[in-house]
């Protein structure tokens, strides 16, 4: 059961962040200010209400699963989690809230785009770290094999 919760919550959290990231890039490139405002509002509600419990469930279930496991892959996943959590708590969530507030007020100034850039950078970092955790989790479960580097032929 714990593995299923961890798998589903991890995929959900990663998918939600990827959706936020993709929606933001697309609406900024091709959307109107009204569309940007709508996307920012959806990211906060219901987005954060889905993302925060998913990340908490992923972290909590991962912690309990890791207590019975050891090894390099488990240690790597444990080292990444504080960065993912801190990035989410201190950068992504506040950025989403402020961008939503500013967009709702029609404030699309330099500050808005600086925070937007920071949010995209932080989102890319979290997606990368979460992707590495997914890869290592699949390796731990035996669903993904380690690829040995090809030896040069003579």
N, C-alpha and C. Protein backbone atom coordinates (compact mmCIF):
# COMPACT_ATOMS: atom_id res chain seq x y z
N UNK A 1 0.82 -1.20 0.00
CA UNK A 1 0.00 0.00 0.00
C UNK A 1 0.87 1.26 0.00
N UNK A 2 1.93 1.27 0.83
CA UNK A 2 2.80 2.43 0.91
C UNK A 2 3.46 2.71 -0.44
N UNK A 3 3.86 1.64 -1.12
CA UNK A 3 4.50 1.81 -2.44
C UNK A 3 3.52 2.41 -3.44
N UNK A 4 2.28 1.96 -3.39
CA UNK A 4 1.27 2.48 -4.31
C UNK A 4 1.01 3.95 -4.03
N UNK A 5 0.87 4.31 -2.76
CA UNK A 5 0.68 5.72 -2.39
C UNK A 5 1.86 6.55 -2.88
N UNK A 6 3.07 6.04 -2.65
CA UNK A 6 4.27 6.77 -3.06
C UNK A 6 4.31 6.95 -4.58
N UNK A 7 4.01 5.91 -5.30
CA UNK A 7 4.03 5.96 -6.76
C UNK A 7 2.99 6.94 -7.29
N UNK A 8 1.76 6.81 -6.84
CA UNK A 8 0.67 7.66 -7.33
C UNK A 8 0.91 9.12 -6.93
N UNK A 9 1.28 9.36 -5.69
CA UNK A 9 1.51 10.73 -5.23
C UNK A 9 2.69 11.36 -5.95
N UNK A 10 3.75 10.59 -6.17
CA UNK A 10 4.93 11.11 -6.87
C UNK A 10 4.62 11.47 -8.31
N UNK A 11 3.89 10.60 -8.98
CA UNK A 11 3.51 10.88 -10.37
C UNK A 11 2.57 12.08 -10.42
N UNK A 12 1.63 12.16 -9.50
CA UNK A 12 0.70 13.29 -9.47
C UNK A 12 1.44 14.60 -9.23
N UNK A 13 2.32 14.63 -8.24
CA UNK A 13 3.07 15.86 -7.93
C UNK A 13 3.91 16.29 -9.12
N UNK A 14 4.61 15.36 -9.73
CA UNK A 14 5.45 15.69 -10.88
C UNK A 14 4.59 16.18 -12.05
N UNK A 15 3.48 15.52 -12.28
CA UNK A 15 2.58 15.91 -13.37
C UNK A 15 1.99 17.31 -13.15
N UNK A 16 1.64 17.61 -11.91
CA UNK A 16 1.08 18.93 -11.60
C UNK A 16 2.13 20.02 -11.84
N UNK A 17 3.35 19.80 -11.38
CA UNK A 17 4.40 20.80 -11.60
C UNK A 17 4.68 20.95 -13.09
N UNK A 18 4.72 19.84 -13.82
CA UNK A 18 4.93 19.91 -15.27
C UNK A 18 3.79 20.66 -15.96
N UNK A 19 2.57 20.46 -15.48
CA UNK A 19 1.42 21.17 -16.04
C UNK A 19 1.51 22.67 -15.74
N UNK A 20 1.87 23.03 -14.52
CA UNK A 20 2.05 24.44 -14.18
C UNK A 20 3.10 25.07 -15.09
N UNK A 21 4.23 24.39 -15.23
CA UNK A 21 5.35 24.90 -16.01
C UNK A 21 4.94 25.09 -17.47
N UNK A 22 4.38 24.05 -18.07
CA UNK A 22 3.98 24.10 -19.48
C UNK A 22 2.91 25.15 -19.72
N UNK A 23 1.91 25.19 -18.85
CA UNK A 23 0.83 26.17 -18.99
C UNK A 23 1.37 27.59 -18.91
N UNK A 24 2.27 27.82 -17.98
CA UNK A 24 2.86 29.15 -17.82
C UNK A 24 3.63 29.56 -19.06
N UNK A 25 4.48 28.68 -19.56
CA UNK A 25 5.27 29.02 -20.75
C UNK A 25 4.36 29.29 -21.93
N UNK A 26 3.38 28.41 -22.16
CA UNK A 26 2.50 28.58 -23.32
C UNK A 26 1.65 29.84 -23.23
N UNK A 27 1.10 30.12 -22.06
CA UNK A 27 0.25 31.30 -21.92
C UNK A 27 1.07 32.58 -22.01
N UNK A 28 2.30 32.54 -21.52
CA UNK A 28 3.16 33.73 -21.63
C UNK A 28 3.55 33.98 -23.08
N UNK A 29 3.78 32.92 -23.82
CA UNK A 29 4.19 33.07 -25.22
C UNK A 29 3.03 33.40 -26.14
N UNK A 30 1.87 32.79 -25.92
CA UNK A 30 0.79 32.88 -26.90
C UNK A 30 -0.52 33.44 -26.36
N UNK A 31 -0.61 33.69 -25.05
CA UNK A 31 -1.87 34.10 -24.47
C UNK A 31 -1.98 35.59 -24.23
N UNK A 32 -3.19 36.00 -23.95
CA UNK A 32 -3.47 37.40 -23.60
C UNK A 32 -3.22 37.59 -22.10
N UNK A 33 -3.30 38.85 -21.66
CA UNK A 33 -3.18 39.11 -20.22
C UNK A 33 -4.31 38.43 -19.45
N UNK A 34 -5.50 38.38 -20.07
CA UNK A 34 -6.62 37.68 -19.41
C UNK A 34 -6.32 36.20 -19.25
N UNK A 35 -5.71 35.60 -20.27
CA UNK A 35 -5.36 34.18 -20.20
C UNK A 35 -4.29 33.94 -19.13
N UNK A 36 -3.31 34.84 -19.04
CA UNK A 36 -2.28 34.72 -18.01
C UNK A 36 -2.94 34.79 -16.63
N UNK A 37 -3.86 35.72 -16.46
CA UNK A 37 -4.56 35.88 -15.19
C UNK A 37 -5.31 34.60 -14.83
N UNK A 38 -5.98 34.00 -15.81
CA UNK A 38 -6.75 32.77 -15.57
C UNK A 38 -5.82 31.62 -15.18
N UNK A 39 -4.70 31.47 -15.89
CA UNK A 39 -3.76 30.39 -15.57
C UNK A 39 -3.18 30.58 -14.17
N UNK A 40 -2.81 31.81 -13.82
CA UNK A 40 -2.26 32.07 -12.49
C UNK A 40 -3.28 31.73 -11.40
N UNK A 41 -4.56 32.06 -11.65
CA UNK A 41 -5.61 31.74 -10.67
C UNK A 41 -5.79 30.22 -10.54
N UNK A 42 -5.76 29.50 -11.66
CA UNK A 42 -5.92 28.04 -11.62
C UNK A 42 -4.74 27.35 -10.95
N UNK A 43 -3.56 27.91 -11.11
CA UNK A 43 -2.39 27.33 -10.44
C UNK A 43 -2.57 27.39 -8.93
N UNK A 44 -3.09 28.51 -8.43
CA UNK A 44 -3.29 28.65 -6.99
C UNK A 44 -4.48 27.81 -6.52
N UNK A 45 -5.61 27.95 -7.19
CA UNK A 45 -6.81 27.19 -6.83
C UNK A 45 -7.43 26.63 -8.08
N UNK A 46 -7.42 25.36 -8.27
CA UNK A 46 -7.21 24.27 -7.33
C UNK A 46 -5.78 23.72 -7.29
N UNK A 47 -4.88 24.25 -8.14
CA UNK A 47 -3.54 23.68 -8.31
C UNK A 47 -2.77 23.38 -7.04
N UNK A 48 -2.58 24.41 -6.21
CA UNK A 48 -1.80 24.20 -4.99
C UNK A 48 -2.51 23.26 -4.02
N UNK A 49 -3.85 23.23 -4.08
CA UNK A 49 -4.61 22.34 -3.21
C UNK A 49 -4.44 20.88 -3.63
N UNK A 50 -4.00 20.65 -4.85
CA UNK A 50 -3.68 19.30 -5.33
C UNK A 50 -2.20 19.01 -5.09
N UNK A 51 -1.35 19.99 -5.42
CA UNK A 51 0.09 19.78 -5.37
C UNK A 51 0.62 19.57 -3.95
N UNK A 52 0.24 20.41 -3.03
CA UNK A 52 0.81 20.34 -1.67
C UNK A 52 0.53 19.00 -1.00
N UNK A 53 -0.72 18.49 -1.01
CA UNK A 53 -0.93 17.16 -0.42
C UNK A 53 -0.19 16.05 -1.18
N UNK A 54 -0.07 16.19 -2.50
CA UNK A 54 0.64 15.17 -3.28
C UNK A 54 2.12 15.13 -2.90
N UNK A 55 2.72 16.30 -2.75
CA UNK A 55 4.13 16.34 -2.35
C UNK A 55 4.30 15.82 -0.92
N UNK A 56 3.39 16.19 -0.04
CA UNK A 56 3.46 15.70 1.34
C UNK A 56 3.30 14.18 1.39
N UNK A 57 2.38 13.64 0.61
CA UNK A 57 2.18 12.19 0.58
C UNK A 57 3.39 11.49 -0.02
N UNK A 58 3.99 12.09 -1.04
CA UNK A 58 5.18 11.51 -1.64
C UNK A 58 6.33 11.48 -0.63
N UNK A 59 6.56 12.61 0.02
CA UNK A 59 7.64 12.68 1.00
C UNK A 59 7.42 11.76 2.19
N UNK A 60 6.21 11.75 2.72
CA UNK A 60 5.91 10.91 3.88
C UNK A 60 6.01 9.43 3.56
N UNK A 61 5.43 9.03 2.45
CA UNK A 61 5.49 7.61 2.09
C UNK A 61 6.91 7.22 1.71
N UNK A 62 7.63 8.12 1.07
CA UNK A 62 9.03 7.84 0.74
C UNK A 62 9.88 7.67 1.99
N UNK A 63 9.61 8.50 2.98
CA UNK A 63 10.36 8.40 4.24
C UNK A 63 10.12 7.04 4.90
N UNK A 64 8.86 6.61 4.98
CA UNK A 64 8.58 5.32 5.61
C UNK A 64 9.14 4.16 4.78
N UNK A 65 9.08 4.26 3.47
CA UNK A 65 9.65 3.20 2.63
C UNK A 65 11.17 3.12 2.77
N UNK A 66 11.80 4.26 2.95
CA UNK A 66 13.27 4.29 3.01
C UNK A 66 13.83 3.73 4.31
N UNK A 67 13.00 3.63 5.34
CA UNK A 67 13.49 3.12 6.62
C UNK A 67 13.92 1.66 6.53
N UNK A 68 13.34 0.91 5.60
CA UNK A 68 13.69 -0.49 5.47
C UNK A 68 14.67 -0.75 4.33
N UNK A 69 15.17 0.33 3.70
CA UNK A 69 16.08 0.19 2.56
C UNK A 69 17.36 0.95 2.83
N UNK A 70 18.42 0.49 2.19
CA UNK A 70 19.69 1.18 2.25
C UNK A 70 20.30 1.18 0.87
N UNK A 71 21.34 1.94 0.70
CA UNK A 71 22.06 1.93 -0.56
C UNK A 71 22.17 3.32 -1.17
N UNK A 72 22.95 3.38 -2.22
CA UNK A 72 23.24 4.65 -2.89
C UNK A 72 21.98 5.31 -3.46
N UNK A 73 21.11 4.52 -4.08
CA UNK A 73 19.91 5.10 -4.68
C UNK A 73 19.00 5.73 -3.62
N UNK A 74 18.82 5.03 -2.51
CA UNK A 74 17.99 5.56 -1.42
C UNK A 74 18.62 6.82 -0.85
N UNK A 75 19.92 6.80 -0.65
CA UNK A 75 20.61 7.97 -0.11
C UNK A 75 20.50 9.16 -1.07
N UNK A 76 20.63 8.92 -2.36
CA UNK A 76 20.50 10.01 -3.34
C UNK A 76 19.10 10.62 -3.29
N UNK A 77 18.08 9.77 -3.21
CA UNK A 77 16.71 10.27 -3.12
C UNK A 77 16.52 11.11 -1.84
N UNK A 78 17.07 10.62 -0.72
CA UNK A 78 16.95 11.35 0.55
C UNK A 78 17.66 12.70 0.49
N UNK A 79 18.77 12.78 -0.23
CA UNK A 79 19.50 14.04 -0.34
C UNK A 79 18.76 15.05 -1.20
N UNK A 80 18.03 14.58 -2.20
CA UNK A 80 17.31 15.50 -3.09
C UNK A 80 16.05 16.07 -2.44
N UNK A 81 15.41 15.31 -1.57
CA UNK A 81 14.11 15.72 -1.02
C UNK A 81 14.12 17.05 -0.28
N UNK A 82 15.12 17.35 0.54
CA UNK A 82 15.10 18.66 1.19
C UNK A 82 15.16 19.82 0.20
N UNK A 83 15.89 19.65 -0.90
CA UNK A 83 15.96 20.71 -1.91
C UNK A 83 14.62 20.87 -2.62
N UNK A 84 13.97 19.74 -2.94
CA UNK A 84 12.66 19.80 -3.58
C UNK A 84 11.66 20.50 -2.66
N UNK A 85 11.65 20.10 -1.39
CA UNK A 85 10.71 20.69 -0.43
C UNK A 85 10.98 22.17 -0.21
N UNK A 86 12.23 22.53 0.02
CA UNK A 86 12.57 23.94 0.26
C UNK A 86 12.25 24.79 -0.96
N UNK A 87 12.56 24.30 -2.12
CA UNK A 87 12.27 25.01 -3.36
C UNK A 87 10.76 25.24 -3.49
N UNK A 88 9.98 24.23 -3.16
CA UNK A 88 8.53 24.36 -3.23
C UNK A 88 7.98 25.32 -2.20
N UNK A 89 8.43 25.18 -0.96
CA UNK A 89 7.89 25.99 0.14
C UNK A 89 8.33 27.45 0.06
N UNK A 90 9.60 27.67 -0.27
CA UNK A 90 10.14 29.03 -0.20
C UNK A 90 10.17 29.77 -1.53
N UNK A 91 10.01 29.05 -2.65
CA UNK A 91 10.05 29.73 -3.95
C UNK A 91 8.75 29.51 -4.73
N UNK A 92 8.40 28.26 -4.99
CA UNK A 92 7.27 27.99 -5.89
C UNK A 92 5.92 28.44 -5.33
N UNK A 93 5.61 28.08 -4.11
CA UNK A 93 4.31 28.45 -3.56
C UNK A 93 4.18 29.97 -3.39
N UNK A 94 5.15 30.65 -2.78
CA UNK A 94 5.01 32.12 -2.68
C UNK A 94 4.96 32.80 -4.06
N UNK A 95 5.76 32.32 -5.00
CA UNK A 95 5.75 32.89 -6.34
C UNK A 95 4.37 32.75 -6.97
N UNK A 96 3.79 31.56 -6.87
CA UNK A 96 2.46 31.33 -7.44
C UNK A 96 1.43 32.26 -6.83
N UNK A 97 1.50 32.45 -5.53
CA UNK A 97 0.52 33.31 -4.85
C UNK A 97 0.70 34.77 -5.27
N UNK A 98 1.95 35.25 -5.25
CA UNK A 98 2.18 36.65 -5.64
C UNK A 98 1.85 36.89 -7.10
N UNK A 99 2.24 35.99 -7.98
CA UNK A 99 1.93 36.16 -9.40
C UNK A 99 0.42 36.17 -9.63
N UNK A 100 -0.30 35.34 -8.91
CA UNK A 100 -1.75 35.34 -9.02
C UNK A 100 -2.34 36.68 -8.56
N UNK A 101 -1.86 37.17 -7.43
CA UNK A 101 -2.36 38.46 -6.92
C UNK A 101 -2.07 39.60 -7.89
N UNK A 102 -0.84 39.65 -8.40
CA UNK A 102 -0.47 40.72 -9.33
C UNK A 102 -1.23 40.61 -10.64
N UNK A 103 -1.37 39.40 -11.15
CA UNK A 103 -2.11 39.22 -12.41
C UNK A 103 -3.57 39.63 -12.23
N UNK A 104 -4.17 39.28 -11.10
CA UNK A 104 -5.57 39.65 -10.84
C UNK A 104 -5.74 41.17 -10.79
N UNK A 105 -4.68 41.89 -10.39
CA UNK A 105 -4.72 43.35 -10.34
C UNK A 105 -4.25 43.99 -11.65
N UNK A 106 -3.87 43.15 -12.60
CA UNK A 106 -3.39 43.67 -13.88
C UNK A 106 -1.98 44.22 -13.83
N UNK A 107 -1.21 43.80 -12.85
CA UNK A 107 0.16 44.29 -12.70
C UNK A 107 1.12 43.33 -13.40
N UNK A 108 1.51 43.70 -14.62
CA UNK A 108 2.44 42.90 -15.40
C UNK A 108 3.69 43.74 -15.65
N UNK A 109 4.39 44.00 -14.57
CA UNK A 109 5.57 44.87 -14.64
C UNK A 109 6.85 44.04 -14.55
N UNK A 110 7.96 44.72 -14.40
CA UNK A 110 9.27 44.05 -14.32
C UNK A 110 9.30 43.07 -13.15
N UNK A 111 8.75 43.48 -12.03
CA UNK A 111 8.72 42.61 -10.84
C UNK A 111 7.97 41.31 -11.16
N UNK A 112 6.83 41.42 -11.83
CA UNK A 112 6.04 40.25 -12.20
C UNK A 112 6.90 39.28 -13.02
N UNK A 113 7.58 39.80 -14.03
CA UNK A 113 8.35 38.93 -14.92
C UNK A 113 9.63 38.41 -14.28
N UNK A 114 10.20 39.14 -13.33
CA UNK A 114 11.34 38.61 -12.59
C UNK A 114 10.92 37.43 -11.71
N UNK A 115 9.80 37.59 -11.02
CA UNK A 115 9.29 36.49 -10.19
C UNK A 115 8.86 35.33 -11.08
N UNK A 116 8.26 35.65 -12.24
CA UNK A 116 7.87 34.60 -13.19
C UNK A 116 9.10 33.80 -13.64
N UNK A 117 10.18 34.50 -13.94
CA UNK A 117 11.42 33.82 -14.33
C UNK A 117 11.97 32.96 -13.22
N UNK A 118 11.95 33.48 -11.99
CA UNK A 118 12.40 32.72 -10.83
C UNK A 118 11.54 31.47 -10.64
N UNK A 119 10.24 31.63 -10.80
CA UNK A 119 9.32 30.50 -10.65
C UNK A 119 9.59 29.43 -11.71
N UNK A 120 9.82 29.84 -12.94
CA UNK A 120 10.12 28.88 -14.00
C UNK A 120 11.44 28.16 -13.75
N UNK A 121 12.44 28.90 -13.30
CA UNK A 121 13.73 28.29 -12.98
C UNK A 121 13.58 27.28 -11.84
N UNK A 122 12.90 27.68 -10.78
CA UNK A 122 12.69 26.79 -9.63
C UNK A 122 11.86 25.57 -10.04
N UNK A 123 10.87 25.78 -10.89
CA UNK A 123 10.06 24.66 -11.38
C UNK A 123 10.89 23.69 -12.19
N UNK A 124 11.78 24.21 -13.04
CA UNK A 124 12.65 23.35 -13.84
C UNK A 124 13.59 22.54 -12.95
N UNK A 125 14.12 23.19 -11.92
CA UNK A 125 14.99 22.49 -10.97
C UNK A 125 14.21 21.37 -10.27
N UNK A 126 13.01 21.69 -9.79
CA UNK A 126 12.22 20.66 -9.10
C UNK A 126 11.85 19.52 -10.03
N UNK A 127 11.47 19.84 -11.27
CA UNK A 127 11.15 18.78 -12.22
C UNK A 127 12.35 17.88 -12.47
N UNK A 128 13.52 18.48 -12.58
CA UNK A 128 14.74 17.69 -12.79
C UNK A 128 15.03 16.78 -11.60
N UNK A 129 14.97 17.35 -10.41
CA UNK A 129 15.23 16.55 -9.20
C UNK A 129 14.19 15.46 -9.01
N UNK A 130 12.93 15.79 -9.29
CA UNK A 130 11.88 14.79 -9.15
C UNK A 130 12.03 13.70 -10.21
N UNK A 131 12.46 14.08 -11.39
CA UNK A 131 12.71 13.10 -12.43
C UNK A 131 13.82 12.13 -12.03
N UNK A 132 14.88 12.67 -11.41
CA UNK A 132 15.95 11.80 -10.92
C UNK A 132 15.44 10.87 -9.83
N UNK A 133 14.58 11.37 -8.96
CA UNK A 133 14.00 10.52 -7.91
C UNK A 133 13.11 9.43 -8.50
N UNK A 134 12.36 9.78 -9.53
CA UNK A 134 11.52 8.77 -10.19
C UNK A 134 12.41 7.70 -10.82
N UNK A 135 13.44 8.13 -11.51
CA UNK A 135 14.37 7.17 -12.12
C UNK A 135 14.96 6.23 -11.07
N UNK A 136 15.44 6.80 -9.97
CA UNK A 136 16.03 5.97 -8.92
C UNK A 136 14.99 5.07 -8.26
N UNK A 137 13.77 5.56 -8.11
CA UNK A 137 12.70 4.74 -7.56
C UNK A 137 12.37 3.56 -8.47
N UNK A 138 12.35 3.80 -9.77
CA UNK A 138 12.11 2.71 -10.72
C UNK A 138 13.25 1.69 -10.68
N UNK A 139 14.46 2.17 -10.48
CA UNK A 139 15.60 1.25 -10.35
C UNK A 139 15.50 0.44 -9.06
N UNK A 140 15.09 1.10 -7.98
CA UNK A 140 14.93 0.38 -6.70
C UNK A 140 13.86 -0.71 -6.80
N UNK A 141 12.80 -0.42 -7.54
CA UNK A 141 11.70 -1.38 -7.65
C UNK A 141 11.99 -2.47 -8.67
N UNK A 142 13.07 -2.31 -9.42
CA UNK A 142 13.40 -3.30 -10.44
C UNK A 142 12.70 -3.07 -11.76
N UNK A 143 11.96 -1.98 -11.89
CA UNK A 143 11.26 -1.68 -13.14
C UNK A 143 12.16 -1.03 -14.18
N UNK A 144 13.32 -0.58 -13.76
CA UNK A 144 14.27 0.05 -14.66
C UNK A 144 15.65 -0.49 -14.33
N UNK A 145 16.34 -0.94 -15.34
CA UNK A 145 17.67 -1.49 -15.12
C UNK A 145 18.72 -0.40 -15.30
N UNK A 146 19.83 -0.61 -14.62
CA UNK A 146 20.98 0.28 -14.79
C UNK A 146 21.57 0.01 -16.17
N UNK A 147 21.82 1.06 -16.90
CA UNK A 147 22.50 0.91 -18.18
C UNK A 147 23.98 1.04 -17.97
N UNK A 148 24.71 0.01 -18.39
CA UNK A 148 26.16 0.08 -18.30
C UNK A 148 26.66 0.86 -19.51
N UNK A 149 27.64 1.72 -19.31
CA UNK A 149 28.17 2.44 -20.45
C UNK A 149 28.81 1.48 -21.44
N UNK A 150 28.67 1.79 -22.69
CA UNK A 150 29.27 0.95 -23.73
C UNK A 150 30.77 1.06 -23.67
N UNK A 151 31.41 -0.08 -23.78
CA UNK A 151 32.88 -0.08 -23.81
C UNK A 151 33.33 0.19 -25.23
N UNK A 152 34.38 0.96 -25.39
CA UNK A 152 34.85 1.23 -26.76
C UNK A 152 35.36 -0.05 -27.42
N UNK A 153 35.05 -0.17 -28.68
CA UNK A 153 35.53 -1.32 -29.43
C UNK A 153 36.85 -0.97 -30.09
N UNK A 154 37.66 -1.98 -30.26
CA UNK A 154 38.98 -1.72 -30.85
C UNK A 154 39.05 -2.22 -32.25
